[in-house]
């Protein structure tokens, strides 16, 4: 039960930490990109960089890198934005594999407890001479059932939390892709 309880605590911590990080990153880029577009079209590249630096989001960091590369070939700008995007995606997905591991390992730990409980019950049966009382068997079976239930509860909740966070990250990645395309289109507009 102790390893399952530790998995539970770790899963809750990881879920809350990732949720806060993802919520912070999940800003609507529409208003931000409108301001950037306005500044770039006016020729105020430094103003656009300052605006990006003031906005703490993955989209802003990507666009800031693209603005820093204005004047370079378009392929260079795209590559620099893509490199920043990869780093930002890595930051968003940090610790999600650990949560997925907990989702898979907790039920297995529960099943291990089941096996241990049943082994204890059979040992008690083998050591008892004569008739076996239900009380003698109940402690081993109790251990088996409690660990299974605990492992399944932790595993199911961790699995749901993992999928919820992954879907949120995918939405942010979509916004990042859309915004980077919008920025590249902005650079290609005739002036």
Protein backbone atom coordinates (compact mmCIF):
# COMPACT_ATOMS: atom_id res chain seq x y z
CA UNK A 1 0.00 0.00 0.00
CA UNK A 2 2.89 2.40 0.68
CA UNK A 3 4.12 2.41 -2.95
CA UNK A 4 0.56 2.91 -4.15
CA UNK A 5 0.11 5.81 -1.73
CA UNK A 6 3.38 7.35 -2.94
CA UNK A 7 2.17 7.01 -6.53
CA UNK A 8 -1.06 8.75 -5.54
CA UNK A 9 0.76 11.69 -3.95
CA UNK A 10 3.15 11.99 -6.90
CA UNK A 11 0.28 11.81 -9.41
CA UNK A 12 -1.63 14.58 -7.63
CA UNK A 13 1.50 16.75 -7.44
CA UNK A 14 2.36 16.22 -11.13
CA UNK A 15 -1.21 16.88 -12.23
CA UNK A 16 -1.47 20.18 -10.32
CA UNK A 17 2.01 21.33 -11.37
CA UNK A 18 1.38 20.53 -15.05
CA UNK A 19 -2.12 22.01 -14.97
CA UNK A 20 -0.79 25.32 -13.62
CA UNK A 21 1.99 25.39 -16.22
CA UNK A 22 -0.36 24.53 -19.08
CA UNK A 23 -2.97 27.06 -17.98
CA UNK A 24 -0.27 29.75 -17.85
CA UNK A 25 0.82 28.84 -21.38
CA UNK A 26 -2.74 28.65 -22.72
CA UNK A 27 -3.23 32.30 -23.61
CA UNK A 28 -5.28 33.38 -26.60
CA UNK A 29 -2.74 34.58 -29.17
CA UNK A 30 -5.29 36.57 -31.20
CA UNK A 31 -4.97 39.93 -29.43
CA UNK A 32 -1.22 39.48 -29.01
CA UNK A 33 -0.70 38.71 -32.69
CA UNK A 34 -2.85 41.68 -33.68
CA UNK A 35 -0.51 44.00 -31.77
CA UNK A 36 2.59 42.29 -33.18
CA UNK A 37 1.22 42.56 -36.72
CA UNK A 38 0.45 46.24 -36.24
CA UNK A 39 3.96 46.97 -34.90
CA UNK A 40 5.74 44.97 -37.62
CA UNK A 41 3.71 46.57 -40.42
CA UNK A 42 4.59 50.02 -39.02
CA UNK A 43 8.24 48.99 -39.07
CA UNK A 44 8.58 49.05 -35.26
CA UNK A 45 10.47 45.77 -34.98
CA UNK A 46 11.99 46.70 -31.61
CA UNK A 47 8.54 47.50 -30.24
CA UNK A 48 7.33 44.09 -31.39
CA UNK A 49 10.30 42.42 -29.67
CA UNK A 50 9.58 44.30 -26.45
CA UNK A 51 5.93 43.25 -26.64
CA UNK A 52 7.00 39.62 -27.06
CA UNK A 53 9.44 39.86 -24.15
CA UNK A 54 6.67 41.20 -21.90
CA UNK A 55 4.33 38.34 -22.78
CA UNK A 56 5.32 35.14 -20.94
CA UNK A 57 3.94 32.47 -23.26
CA UNK A 58 5.33 29.89 -25.69
CA UNK A 59 3.78 31.75 -28.62
CA UNK A 60 5.46 35.01 -27.59
CA UNK A 61 8.86 33.33 -27.30
CA UNK A 62 8.46 31.79 -30.76
CA UNK A 63 7.43 35.06 -32.36
CA UNK A 64 10.21 36.92 -30.55
CA UNK A 65 12.76 34.57 -32.10
CA UNK A 66 11.19 35.11 -35.51
CA UNK A 67 11.26 38.88 -35.09
CA UNK A 68 14.91 38.68 -34.07
CA UNK A 69 15.61 36.96 -37.39
CA UNK A 70 13.78 39.50 -39.58
CA UNK A 71 16.03 40.28 -42.51
CA UNK A 72 17.25 36.69 -42.77
CA UNK A 73 15.93 34.32 -45.42
CA UNK A 74 12.41 33.06 -44.72
CA UNK A 75 13.66 29.47 -44.28
CA UNK A 76 16.02 30.64 -41.52
CA UNK A 77 13.18 32.44 -39.74
CA UNK A 78 10.95 29.36 -40.01
CA UNK A 79 13.73 27.11 -38.68
CA UNK A 80 14.42 29.37 -35.71
CA UNK A 81 10.71 29.55 -34.83
CA UNK A 82 10.46 25.76 -35.16
CA UNK A 83 13.45 25.23 -32.88
CA UNK A 84 11.94 27.44 -30.18
CA UNK A 85 8.62 25.61 -30.61
CA UNK A 86 10.32 22.26 -29.99
CA UNK A 87 11.81 23.58 -26.75
CA UNK A 88 8.45 25.01 -25.65
CA UNK A 89 6.65 21.74 -26.43
CA UNK A 90 9.24 19.85 -24.40
CA UNK A 91 8.60 22.21 -21.47
CA UNK A 92 4.84 21.68 -21.76
CA UNK A 93 5.16 17.89 -21.88
CA UNK A 94 7.64 17.70 -19.00
CA UNK A 95 6.65 15.06 -16.39
CA UNK A 96 3.72 13.77 -18.47
CA UNK A 97 5.53 10.47 -19.12
CA UNK A 98 5.91 10.04 -15.35
CA UNK A 99 2.17 10.48 -14.92
CA UNK A 100 1.58 7.90 -17.66
CA UNK A 101 3.95 5.51 -15.89
CA UNK A 102 2.02 5.91 -12.64
CA UNK A 103 -1.21 5.21 -14.53
CA UNK A 104 0.23 1.90 -15.69
CA UNK A 105 2.26 0.92 -12.63
CA UNK A 106 -0.31 1.57 -9.87
CA UNK A 107 -2.71 -1.18 -10.99
CA UNK A 108 0.23 -3.58 -11.34
CA UNK A 109 1.28 -2.77 -7.78
CA UNK A 110 -2.29 -3.46 -6.71
CA UNK A 111 -2.24 -6.82 -8.48
CA UNK A 112 1.08 -7.60 -6.81
CA UNK A 113 -0.65 -6.94 -3.49
CA UNK A 114 -3.37 -9.34 -4.57
CA UNK A 115 -0.85 -12.07 -5.25
CA UNK A 116 0.93 -11.43 -1.94
CA UNK A 117 -2.38 -11.54 -0.07
CA UNK A 118 -3.38 -14.80 -1.70
CA UNK A 119 0.04 -16.30 -0.96
CA UNK A 120 -0.44 -15.30 2.69
CA UNK A 121 -3.87 -16.95 2.69
CA UNK A 122 -2.50 -20.19 1.24
CA UNK A 123 0.40 -20.21 3.71
CA UNK A 124 -2.10 -19.82 6.54
CA UNK A 125 -4.16 -22.71 5.13
CA UNK A 126 -1.11 -24.96 4.83
CA UNK A 127 -0.01 -24.25 8.40
CA UNK A 128 -3.44 -24.87 9.89
CA UNK A 129 -4.21 -28.36 10.98
CA UNK A 130 -7.78 -29.48 10.78
CA UNK A 131 -10.57 -27.27 9.54
CA UNK A 132 -9.74 -23.79 8.24
CA UNK A 133 -11.69 -20.93 9.73
CA UNK A 134 -12.94 -18.09 7.56
CA UNK A 135 -11.22 -15.62 9.90
CA UNK A 136 -7.86 -17.18 9.06
CA UNK A 137 -8.42 -16.66 5.34
CA UNK A 138 -9.98 -13.23 5.60
CA UNK A 139 -6.80 -11.31 6.43
CA UNK A 140 -4.99 -12.51 3.29
CA UNK A 141 -8.01 -11.98 1.09
CA UNK A 142 -8.58 -8.55 2.64
CA UNK A 143 -5.00 -7.55 1.77
CA UNK A 144 -5.52 -8.84 -1.75
CA UNK A 145 -8.72 -6.90 -2.37
CA UNK A 146 -7.66 -3.61 -0.74
CA UNK A 147 -4.43 -3.34 -2.70
CA UNK A 148 -6.21 -4.17 -5.95
CA UNK A 149 -8.85 -1.52 -5.37
CA UNK A 150 -6.28 1.10 -4.33
CA UNK A 151 -4.04 0.37 -7.31
CA UNK A 152 -6.94 0.54 -9.74
CA UNK A 153 -8.24 3.81 -8.28
CA UNK A 154 -4.82 5.47 -8.49
CA UNK A 155 -4.21 4.06 -11.98
CA UNK A 156 -7.58 5.15 -13.37
CA UNK A 157 -7.33 8.66 -11.94
CA UNK A 158 -3.73 9.06 -13.15
CA UNK A 159 -4.74 7.81 -16.61
CA UNK A 160 -7.62 10.29 -16.83
CA UNK A 161 -5.38 13.11 -15.59
CA UNK A 162 -2.69 12.20 -18.14
CA UNK A 163 -5.15 12.18 -21.04
CA UNK A 164 -6.69 15.46 -19.91
CA UNK A 165 -3.28 17.15 -19.77
CA UNK A 166 -2.18 15.69 -23.11
CA UNK A 167 -5.32 17.05 -24.78
CA UNK A 168 -4.66 20.49 -23.29
CA UNK A 169 -1.04 20.41 -24.53
CA UNK A 170 -2.24 19.42 -28.02
CA UNK A 171 -4.55 22.46 -28.10
CA UNK A 172 -1.65 24.74 -27.18
CA UNK A 173 0.55 23.13 -29.83
CA UNK A 174 -2.18 23.78 -32.39
CA UNK A 175 -2.28 27.46 -31.35
CA UNK A 176 1.50 27.63 -31.61
CA UNK A 177 1.45 26.16 -35.12
CA UNK A 178 -1.36 28.43 -36.26
CA UNK A 179 0.35 31.51 -34.84
CA UNK A 180 3.70 30.69 -36.42
CA UNK A 181 2.01 30.27 -39.82
CA UNK A 182 0.25 33.58 -39.28
CA UNK A 183 3.60 35.24 -38.48
CA UNK A 184 5.32 33.79 -41.56
CA UNK A 185 2.38 34.99 -43.67
CA UNK A 186 2.81 38.45 -42.12
CA UNK A 187 6.44 38.51 -43.21
CA UNK A 188 5.41 37.65 -46.77
CA UNK A 189 2.82 40.41 -47.05
CA UNK A 190 3.72 43.14 -49.52
CA UNK A 191 4.57 46.44 -47.87
